[in-house]
Protein backbone atom coordinates (compact mmCIF):
# COMPACT_ATOMS: atom_id res chain seq x y z
CA MET A 1 -2.76 15.78 42.17
CA GLN A 2 -3.66 19.01 43.96
CA ARG A 3 -5.11 21.96 42.04
CA LYS A 4 -2.46 24.40 40.79
CA ASP A 5 -3.73 27.81 41.96
CA ALA A 6 -0.51 29.86 42.39
CA GLY A 7 2.07 31.11 39.95
CA MET A 8 5.66 32.28 40.06
CA ARG A 9 7.50 34.54 37.68
CA ILE A 10 11.22 34.55 37.48
CA ARG A 11 13.80 36.35 35.36
CA ILE A 12 16.47 34.20 33.67
CA GLU A 13 18.71 34.54 30.69
CA ARG A 14 16.90 33.83 27.41
CA ASP A 15 19.48 31.27 26.31
CA LEU A 16 19.07 29.29 29.55
CA ARG A 17 15.26 29.33 29.17
CA ASP A 18 15.45 28.24 25.51
CA THR A 19 17.83 25.44 26.20
CA PHE A 20 15.90 24.29 29.21
CA VAL A 21 12.67 24.17 27.23
CA GLU A 22 14.36 22.33 24.33
CA VAL A 23 15.90 19.70 26.71
CA CYS A 24 12.49 19.23 28.39
CA ARG A 25 10.77 18.78 25.07
CA SER A 26 13.40 16.23 23.98
CA GLN A 27 12.41 14.18 27.05
CA ASP A 28 8.66 14.66 26.20
CA LEU A 29 8.15 16.71 29.37
CA ALA A 30 6.67 20.15 29.97
CA ALA A 31 9.14 22.64 31.40
CA SER A 32 6.62 23.45 34.14
CA GLU A 33 6.41 19.79 35.10
CA VAL A 34 10.18 19.57 35.47
CA LEU A 35 10.30 22.76 37.58
CA ARG A 36 7.45 21.55 39.88
CA GLU A 37 9.30 18.25 40.40
CA PHE A 38 12.56 20.09 41.20
CA MET A 39 10.78 22.36 43.65
CA LEU A 40 9.03 19.44 45.36
CA ARG A 41 12.30 17.43 45.77
CA TYR A 42 14.23 20.59 46.92
CA VAL A 43 11.58 21.28 49.59
CA GLN A 44 11.56 17.58 50.68
CA HIS A 45 15.35 17.57 50.86
CA LEU A 46 15.53 20.67 53.05
CA ASN A 47 12.24 20.07 54.85
CA PRO A 48 11.86 16.28 55.37
CA GLN A 49 9.24 16.65 58.14
CA PRO A 50 6.03 18.19 56.91
CA GLY A 51 4.75 21.02 59.07
CA GLN A 52 8.21 22.33 59.91
CA LEU A 53 9.97 25.22 58.28
CA PRO A 54 12.89 24.40 55.96
CA LEU A 55 16.42 25.12 57.15
CA PRO A 56 17.45 28.74 56.40
CA LEU A 57 20.04 29.48 53.74
CA ASN A 58 22.80 32.04 54.20
CA SER A 59 23.61 34.82 51.73
CA ASP A 60 25.63 32.26 49.61
CA ASN A 61 22.52 30.06 49.32
CA LYS A 62 24.08 27.40 51.49
CA LEU A 63 22.60 25.84 54.57
CA GLU A 64 23.58 27.69 57.76
């Protein structure tokens, strides 16, 4: 696994965060692990060929 040397801060509703953390714990997973996996799969889905930029999203967060 590569070294994790960057961070990201996001603002979300407290209830969502608390529920997310609780669900992750119930699966014996760290919330950060679940988010990293989601991000990796999302990038792979939109950017299946390494070295190319992902497809742009429009203002509705949908593929153009």
